[in-house]
Amino acid sequence: MDKKRPGEPERPAAVEAEEALRDADTAVDAAKAEARRWGGSDKKPTEPKDRFW
């Protein structure tokens, strides 16, 4: 998101909100891709193996 520079006209709040939502959607897509890469969050944990001493 660009910061307002001196001399630039102020942007409407709707434009700022739309840009923020686009950035949020991009972040969600990246998080989902990373979760798929690591196997997702619905994987069952593996049972610990019995220890033999």
PDB file of N, CA and C in Angstrom:
ATOM      1  N   MET A   1       0.844  -1.156   0.000  1.00  0.00           N
ATOM      2  CA  MET A   1       0.000   0.000   0.000  1.00  0.00           C
ATOM      3  C   MET A   1       0.894   1.224   0.000  1.00  0.00           C
ATOM      4  N   ASP A   2       0.647   2.121  -0.902  1.00  0.00           N
ATOM      5  CA  ASP A   2       1.456   3.323  -1.016  1.00  0.00           C
ATOM      6  C   ASP A   2       1.070   4.328   0.052  1.00  0.00           C
ATOM      7  N   LYS A   3       2.100   4.961   0.601  1.00  0.00           N
ATOM      8  CA  LYS A   3       1.857   6.028   1.566  1.00  0.00           C
ATOM      9  C   LYS A   3       1.544   7.308   0.805  1.00  0.00           C
ATOM     10  N   LYS A   4       0.782   8.166   1.419  1.00  0.00           N
ATOM     11  CA  LYS A   4       0.429   9.432   0.779  1.00  0.00           C
ATOM     12  C   LYS A   4       1.659  10.335   0.776  1.00  0.00           C
ATOM     13  N   ARG A   5       1.988  10.839  -0.368  1.00  0.00           N
ATOM     14  CA  ARG A   5       3.118  11.746  -0.500  1.00  0.00           C
ATOM     15  C   ARG A   5       2.610  13.181  -0.433  1.00  0.00           C
ATOM     16  N   PRO A   6       3.454  14.090   0.021  1.00  0.00           N
ATOM     17  CA  PRO A   6       3.026  15.496   0.065  1.00  0.00           C
ATOM     18  C   PRO A   6       2.645  15.981  -1.335  1.00  0.00           C
ATOM     19  N   GLY A   7       1.566  16.698  -1.428  1.00  0.00           N
ATOM     20  CA  GLY A   7       1.125  17.239  -2.702  1.00  0.00           C
ATOM     21  C   GLY A   7       0.174  16.342  -3.471  1.00  0.00           C
ATOM     22  N   GLU A   8      -0.017  15.093  -3.011  1.00  0.00           N
ATOM     23  CA  GLU A   8      -0.950  14.189  -3.685  1.00  0.00           C
ATOM     24  C   GLU A   8      -2.356  14.426  -3.159  1.00  0.00           C
ATOM     25  N   PRO A   9      -3.343  14.354  -4.027  1.00  0.00           N
ATOM     26  CA  PRO A   9      -4.714  14.501  -3.547  1.00  0.00           C
ATOM     27  C   PRO A   9      -5.096  13.298  -2.677  1.00  0.00           C
ATOM     28  N   GLU A  10      -5.970  13.541  -1.749  1.00  0.00           N
ATOM     29  CA  GLU A  10      -6.419  12.472  -0.858  1.00  0.00           C
ATOM     30  C   GLU A  10      -7.329  11.525  -1.626  1.00  0.00           C
ATOM     31  N   ARG A  11      -7.117  10.212  -1.430  1.00  0.00           N
ATOM     32  CA  ARG A  11      -7.935   9.220  -2.126  1.00  0.00           C
ATOM     33  C   ARG A  11      -9.181   8.924  -1.308  1.00  0.00           C
ATOM     34  N   PRO A  12     -10.288   8.608  -1.978  1.00  0.00           N
ATOM     35  CA  PRO A  12     -11.513   8.259  -1.248  1.00  0.00           C
ATOM     36  C   PRO A  12     -11.300   6.999  -0.399  1.00  0.00           C
ATOM     37  N   ALA A  13     -12.020   6.928   0.694  1.00  0.00           N
ATOM     38  CA  ALA A  13     -11.893   5.788   1.604  1.00  0.00           C
ATOM     39  C   ALA A  13     -12.254   4.483   0.911  1.00  0.00           C
ATOM     40  N   ALA A  14     -13.197   4.521  -0.014  1.00  0.00           N
ATOM     41  CA  ALA A  14     -13.601   3.299  -0.719  1.00  0.00           C
ATOM     42  C   ALA A  14     -12.444   2.735  -1.532  1.00  0.00           C
ATOM     43  N   VAL A  15     -11.631   3.612  -2.101  1.00  0.00           N
ATOM     44  CA  VAL A  15     -10.478   3.157  -2.878  1.00  0.00           C
ATOM     45  C   VAL A  15      -9.453   2.511  -1.945  1.00  0.00           C
ATOM     46  N   GLU A  16      -9.227   3.135  -0.811  1.00  0.00           N
ATOM     47  CA  GLU A  16      -8.305   2.579   0.185  1.00  0.00           C
ATOM     48  C   GLU A  16      -8.797   1.215   0.678  1.00  0.00           C
ATOM     49  N   ALA A  17     -10.099   1.100   0.951  1.00  0.00           N
ATOM     50  CA  ALA A  17     -10.664  -0.161   1.437  1.00  0.00           C
ATOM     51  C   ALA A  17     -10.560  -1.249   0.383  1.00  0.00           C
ATOM     52  N   GLU A  18     -10.816  -0.895  -0.867  1.00  0.00           N
ATOM     53  CA  GLU A  18     -10.724  -1.885  -1.944  1.00  0.00           C
ATOM     54  C   GLU A  18      -9.290  -2.401  -2.084  1.00  0.00           C
ATOM     55  N   GLU A  19      -8.335  -1.501  -1.980  1.00  0.00           N
ATOM     56  CA  GLU A  19      -6.929  -1.904  -2.074  1.00  0.00           C
ATOM     57  C   GLU A  19      -6.543  -2.794  -0.896  1.00  0.00           C
ATOM     58  N   ALA A  20      -7.021  -2.468   0.296  1.00  0.00           N
ATOM     59  CA  ALA A  20      -6.731  -3.274   1.478  1.00  0.00           C
ATOM     60  C   ALA A  20      -7.328  -4.670   1.334  1.00  0.00           C
ATOM     61  N   LEU A  21      -8.541  -4.766   0.800  1.00  0.00           N
ATOM     62  CA  LEU A  21      -9.165  -6.076   0.608  1.00  0.00           C
ATOM     63  C   LEU A  21      -8.410  -6.904  -0.430  1.00  0.00           C
ATOM     64  N   ARG A  22      -7.934  -6.254  -1.495  1.00  0.00           N
ATOM     65  CA  ARG A  22      -7.133  -6.971  -2.493  1.00  0.00           C
ATOM     66  C   ARG A  22      -5.856  -7.514  -1.864  1.00  0.00           C
ATOM     67  N   ASP A  23      -5.203  -6.690  -1.022  1.00  0.00           N
ATOM     68  CA  ASP A  23      -3.991  -7.137  -0.349  1.00  0.00           C
ATOM     69  C   ASP A  23      -4.285  -8.302   0.598  1.00  0.00           C
ATOM     70  N   ALA A  24      -5.427  -8.235   1.286  1.00  0.00           N
ATOM     71  CA  ALA A  24      -5.811  -9.306   2.200  1.00  0.00           C
ATOM     72  C   ALA A  24      -6.087 -10.597   1.432  1.00  0.00           C
ATOM     73  N   ASP A  25      -6.759 -10.490   0.289  1.00  0.00           N
ATOM     74  CA  ASP A  25      -7.022 -11.668  -0.534  1.00  0.00           C
ATOM     75  C   ASP A  25      -5.724 -12.301  -1.011  1.00  0.00           C
ATOM     76  N   THR A  26      -4.765 -11.477  -1.379  1.00  0.00           N
ATOM     77  CA  THR A  26      -3.462 -11.977  -1.812  1.00  0.00           C
ATOM     78  C   THR A  26      -2.770 -12.709  -0.664  1.00  0.00           C
ATOM     79  N   ALA A  27      -2.854 -12.160   0.535  1.00  0.00           N
ATOM     80  CA  ALA A  27      -2.240 -12.801   1.694  1.00  0.00           C
ATOM     81  C   ALA A  27      -2.910 -14.137   2.014  1.00  0.00           C
ATOM     82  N   VAL A  28      -4.223 -14.195   1.888  1.00  0.00           N
ATOM     83  CA  VAL A  28      -4.955 -15.443   2.140  1.00  0.00           C
ATOM     84  C   VAL A  28      -4.547 -16.507   1.122  1.00  0.00           C
ATOM     85  N   ASP A  29      -4.462 -16.121  -0.140  1.00  0.00           N
ATOM     86  CA  ASP A  29      -4.053 -17.073  -1.178  1.00  0.00           C
ATOM     87  C   ASP A  29      -2.651 -17.595  -0.909  1.00  0.00           C
ATOM     88  N   ALA A  30      -1.753 -16.733  -0.480  1.00  0.00           N
ATOM     89  CA  ALA A  30      -0.383 -17.156  -0.168  1.00  0.00           C
ATOM     90  C   ALA A  30      -0.369 -18.111   1.024  1.00  0.00           C
ATOM     91  N   ALA A  31      -1.174 -17.834   2.035  1.00  0.00           N
ATOM     92  CA  ALA A  31      -1.238 -18.708   3.212  1.00  0.00           C
ATOM     93  C   ALA A  31      -1.811 -20.072   2.849  1.00  0.00           C
ATOM     94  N   LYS A  32      -2.827 -20.087   1.998  1.00  0.00           N
ATOM     95  CA  LYS A  32      -3.400 -21.365   1.571  1.00  0.00           C
ATOM     96  C   LYS A  32      -2.388 -22.178   0.776  1.00  0.00           C
ATOM     97  N   ALA A  33      -1.644 -21.519  -0.104  1.00  0.00           N
ATOM     98  CA  ALA A  33      -0.631 -22.222  -0.892  1.00  0.00           C
ATOM     99  C   ALA A  33       0.445 -22.804   0.022  1.00  0.00           C
ATOM    100  N   GLU A  34       0.833 -22.056   1.028  1.00  0.00           N
ATOM    101  CA  GLU A  34       1.850 -22.542   1.973  1.00  0.00           C
ATOM    102  C   GLU A  34       1.310 -23.720   2.779  1.00  0.00           C
ATOM    103  N   ALA A  35       0.047 -23.664   3.178  1.00  0.00           N
ATOM    104  CA  ALA A  35      -0.557 -24.772   3.921  1.00  0.00           C
ATOM    105  C   ALA A  35      -0.605 -26.026   3.060  1.00  0.00           C
ATOM    106  N   ARG A  36      -0.974 -25.865   1.776  1.00  0.00           N
ATOM    107  CA  ARG A  36      -0.986 -27.026   0.881  1.00  0.00           C
ATOM    108  C   ARG A  36       0.424 -27.599   0.725  1.00  0.00           C
ATOM    109  N   ARG A  37       1.400 -26.710   0.645  1.00  0.00           N
ATOM    110  CA  ARG A  37       2.787 -27.161   0.478  1.00  0.00           C
ATOM    111  C   ARG A  37       3.249 -27.981   1.682  1.00  0.00           C
ATOM    112  N   TRP A  38       2.791 -27.612   2.862  1.00  0.00           N
ATOM    113  CA  TRP A  38       3.203 -28.313   4.075  1.00  0.00           C
ATOM    114  C   TRP A  38       2.224 -29.410   4.471  1.00  0.00           C
ATOM    115  N   GLY A  39       1.234 -29.680   3.653  1.00  0.00           N
ATOM    116  CA  GLY A  39       0.339 -30.802   3.929  1.00  0.00           C
ATOM    117  C   GLY A  39      -0.988 -30.398   4.522  1.00  0.00           C
ATOM    118  N   GLY A  40      -1.266 -29.141   4.647  1.00  0.00           N
ATOM    119  CA  GLY A  40      -2.557 -28.694   5.155  1.00  0.00           C
ATOM    120  C   GLY A  40      -2.656 -28.767   6.659  1.00  0.00           C
ATOM    121  N   SER A  41      -3.768 -28.315   7.173  1.00  0.00           N
ATOM    122  CA  SER A  41      -3.964 -28.308   8.624  1.00  0.00           C
ATOM    123  C   SER A  41      -4.835 -29.461   9.083  1.00  0.00           C
ATOM    124  N   ASP A  42      -5.339 -30.250   8.142  1.00  0.00           N
ATOM    125  CA  ASP A  42      -6.232 -31.338   8.519  1.00  0.00           C
ATOM    126  C   ASP A  42      -5.508 -32.682   8.627  1.00  0.00           C
ATOM    127  N   LYS A  43      -4.174 -32.664   8.586  1.00  0.00           N
ATOM    128  CA  LYS A  43      -3.419 -33.908   8.733  1.00  0.00           C
ATOM    129  C   LYS A  43      -3.522 -34.411  10.165  1.00  0.00           C
ATOM    130  N   LYS A  44      -3.704 -35.709  10.307  1.00  0.00           N
ATOM    131  CA  LYS A  44      -3.732 -36.291  11.638  1.00  0.00           C
ATOM    132  C   LYS A  44      -2.294 -36.466  12.124  1.00  0.00           C
ATOM    133  N   PRO A  45      -2.055 -36.187  13.398  1.00  0.00           N
ATOM    134  CA  PRO A  45      -0.698 -36.368  13.907  1.00  0.00           C
ATOM    135  C   PRO A  45      -0.333 -37.849  13.933  1.00  0.00           C
ATOM    136  N   THR A  46       0.906 -38.147  13.688  1.00  0.00           N
ATOM    137  CA  THR A  46       1.335 -39.547  13.724  1.00  0.00           C
ATOM    138  C   THR A  46       1.432 -40.009  15.174  1.00  0.00           C
ATOM    139  N   GLU A  47       1.079 -41.246  15.373  1.00  0.00           N
ATOM    140  CA  GLU A  47       1.150 -41.813  16.713  1.00  0.00           C
ATOM    141  C   GLU A  47       2.614 -42.062  17.075  1.00  0.00           C
ATOM    142  N   PRO A  48       2.991 -41.777  18.304  1.00  0.00           N
ATOM    143  CA  PRO A  48       4.377 -42.039  18.695  1.00  0.00           C
ATOM    144  C   PRO A  48       4.646 -43.550  18.695  1.00  0.00           C
ATOM    145  N   LYS A  49       5.819 -43.922  18.243  1.00  0.00           N
ATOM    146  CA  LYS A  49       6.175 -45.340  18.222  1.00  0.00           C
ATOM    147  C   LYS A  49       6.537 -45.802  19.612  1.00  0.00           C
ATOM    148  N   ASP A  50       6.326 -47.111  19.861  1.00  0.00           N
ATOM    149  CA  ASP A  50       6.696 -47.668  21.157  1.00  0.00           C
ATOM    150  C   ASP A  50       8.214 -47.618  21.306  1.00  0.00           C
ATOM    151  N   ARG A  51       8.632 -47.352  22.524  1.00  0.00           N
ATOM    152  CA  ARG A  51      10.070 -47.298  22.793  1.00  0.00           C
ATOM    153  C   ARG A  51      10.539 -48.659  23.299  1.00  0.00           C
ATOM    154  N   PHE A  52      11.626 -49.091  22.746  1.00  0.00           N
ATOM    155  CA  PHE A  52      12.220 -50.341  23.221  1.00  0.00           C
ATOM    156  C   PHE A  52      13.551 -49.997  23.844  1.00  0.00           C
ATOM    157  N   TRP A  53      13.690 -50.324  25.119  1.00  0.00           N
ATOM    158  CA  TRP A  53      14.926 -49.975  25.834  1.00  0.00           C
ATOM    159  C   TRP A  53      15.828 -51.121  25.859  1.00  0.00           C
TER     160      TRP A  53
END
